[in-house]
Amino acid sequence: MEFDDLTVRELRERGIALRKALFGEAAVETRMAAAGEFGAPLQNIINAYVYGDIWMREGLSPEIGSLVMLGITAASNRTEEFKVHMRGAIANGCTEAQIQSVLLLIALYCGVPAAIHTSTIAAEMLEAAK
């Protein structure tokens, strides 16, 4: 089935399923409810288009997508989102060496401050996942 053939409802349903597989049902439910009705339209966009469409495309494997998201969130100092995507990276089978390499690239291209805190977060989460 082509993406053009999917309805927004179908995209949203598969997006929610992917989010729950990556981050856990409780975490997704909490994030989806965080801004109440005000945030519902944004959550619909995230579910349908971010996870139901973009994350499902064949261009990047889930593992590479997770590594990209770690780089983006570390470089932009979005540590709460970094934690979320660390859970996804672990679920997608990213290795410690891959995650470390991404953060070393961030240190060199975006500055050491961008990599310091996220490296600590990554180390703690990787240890907890063992």
Protein backbone atom coordinates (compact mmCIF):
# COMPACT_ATOMS: atom_id res chain seq x y z
CA MET A 1 0.00 0.00 0.00
CA GLU A 2 1.36 3.40 -0.96
CA PHE A 3 1.36 6.21 1.59
CA ASP A 4 -0.93 8.19 -0.70
CA ASP A 5 -3.51 5.42 -0.31
CA LEU A 6 -3.63 5.68 3.49
CA THR A 7 -6.17 7.83 5.27
CA VAL A 8 -5.13 10.19 8.05
CA ARG A 9 -6.91 7.85 10.49
CA GLU A 10 -4.80 4.90 9.29
CA LEU A 11 -1.61 6.95 9.48
CA ARG A 12 -2.52 8.07 13.01
CA GLU A 13 -3.28 4.52 14.17
CA ARG A 14 -0.03 3.11 12.83
CA GLY A 15 1.86 6.10 14.22
CA ILE A 16 0.46 5.53 17.70
CA ALA A 17 1.33 1.82 17.45
CA LEU A 18 4.93 2.64 16.46
CA ARG A 19 5.31 5.24 19.23
CA LYS A 20 4.09 2.74 21.81
CA ALA A 21 6.46 0.08 20.49
CA LEU A 22 9.41 2.48 20.69
CA PHE A 23 8.69 4.37 23.89
CA GLY A 24 6.17 2.28 25.85
CA GLU A 25 2.43 2.66 26.15
CA ALA A 26 2.45 4.62 29.41
CA ALA A 27 5.02 7.15 28.16
CA VAL A 28 3.08 7.76 24.95
CA GLU A 29 -0.23 8.14 26.76
CA THR A 30 1.37 10.64 29.17
CA ARG A 31 2.92 12.66 26.35
CA MET A 32 -0.30 12.65 24.32
CA ALA A 33 -2.31 13.91 27.31
CA ALA A 34 0.24 16.46 28.53
CA ALA A 35 -1.35 19.51 26.90
CA GLY A 36 -4.94 18.25 27.03
CA GLU A 37 -7.36 19.29 24.34
CA PHE A 38 -5.12 22.21 23.41
CA GLY A 39 -2.35 19.80 22.43
CA ALA A 40 -4.58 17.27 20.65
CA PRO A 41 -4.08 18.76 17.16
CA LEU A 42 -0.29 18.66 17.57
CA GLN A 43 -0.47 15.06 18.81
CA ASN A 44 -2.54 14.16 15.73
CA ILE A 45 0.16 15.64 13.51
CA ILE A 46 2.91 13.82 15.42
CA ASN A 47 1.06 10.49 15.30
CA ALA A 48 -0.09 10.61 11.68
CA TYR A 49 2.74 12.37 9.91
CA VAL A 50 5.87 11.99 12.06
CA TYR A 51 5.41 8.37 13.15
CA GLY A 52 2.68 7.08 10.82
CA ASP A 53 4.32 8.44 7.66
CA ILE A 54 7.93 9.67 7.91
CA TRP A 55 9.19 7.01 10.36
CA MET A 56 7.55 4.29 8.22
CA ARG A 57 9.23 5.24 4.95
CA GLU A 58 11.92 3.01 3.48
CA GLY A 59 14.59 5.71 3.15
CA LEU A 60 16.06 5.19 6.63
CA SER A 61 16.02 2.13 8.81
CA PRO A 62 14.49 2.63 12.27
CA GLU A 63 17.99 2.33 13.73
CA ILE A 64 19.39 5.11 11.53
CA GLY A 65 16.29 7.24 12.16
CA SER A 66 16.92 6.93 15.89
CA LEU A 67 20.56 7.95 15.49
CA VAL A 68 19.50 10.98 13.44
CA MET A 69 17.02 11.97 16.15
CA LEU A 70 19.71 11.64 18.82
CA GLY A 71 21.92 13.98 16.81
CA ILE A 72 19.14 16.50 16.24
CA THR A 73 17.99 16.59 19.85
CA ALA A 74 21.54 16.71 21.25
CA ALA A 75 22.63 19.46 18.84
CA SER A 76 19.57 21.57 19.61
CA ASN A 77 19.90 21.08 23.39
CA ARG A 78 16.52 19.34 23.68
CA THR A 79 17.51 17.01 26.51
CA GLU A 80 13.98 15.89 27.38
CA GLU A 81 13.41 14.87 23.76
CA PHE A 82 16.87 13.31 23.72
CA LYS A 83 15.79 11.04 26.58
CA VAL A 84 12.68 10.02 24.65
CA HIS A 85 14.70 9.22 21.55
CA MET A 86 17.32 7.37 23.60
CA ARG A 87 14.53 4.98 24.64
CA GLY A 88 13.65 4.62 20.96
CA ALA A 89 17.28 4.10 19.96
CA ILE A 90 17.66 1.33 22.52
CA ALA A 91 14.39 -0.25 21.34
CA ASN A 92 15.61 -0.01 17.73
CA GLY A 93 18.83 -1.84 18.57
CA CYS A 94 21.29 1.04 18.34
CA THR A 95 24.60 0.08 19.89
CA GLU A 96 26.56 1.94 22.52
CA ALA A 97 29.31 2.56 19.95
CA GLN A 98 26.84 4.07 17.46
CA ILE A 99 25.33 6.38 20.08
CA GLN A 100 28.77 7.39 21.33
CA SER A 101 29.89 8.16 17.76
CA VAL A 102 26.87 10.40 17.17
CA LEU A 103 27.61 12.33 20.35
CA LEU A 104 31.29 12.69 19.44
CA LEU A 105 30.24 14.14 16.08
CA ILE A 106 27.93 16.53 17.92
CA ALA A 107 30.82 17.60 20.15
CA LEU A 108 33.03 18.37 17.16
CA TYR A 109 30.45 19.96 14.87
CA CYS A 110 28.12 21.64 17.38
CA GLY A 111 30.39 22.18 20.35
CA VAL A 112 31.35 20.24 23.43
CA PRO A 113 28.58 21.79 25.58
CA ALA A 114 25.98 20.22 23.28
CA ALA A 115 27.42 16.76 23.94
CA ILE A 116 28.30 16.87 27.64
CA HIS A 117 24.87 16.51 29.21
CA THR A 118 23.51 14.20 26.53
CA SER A 119 26.53 11.91 26.92
CA THR A 120 25.75 11.59 30.62
CA ILE A 121 22.10 10.86 29.86
CA ALA A 122 23.07 8.28 27.23
CA ALA A 123 25.51 6.54 29.58
CA GLU A 124 22.91 6.32 32.34
CA MET A 125 20.19 5.03 30.03
CA LEU A 126 22.46 2.49 28.36
CA GLU A 127 23.56 1.19 31.76
CA ALA A 128 19.94 0.94 32.92
CA ALA A 129 19.04 -0.99 29.77
CA LYS A 130 21.63 -3.71 30.44
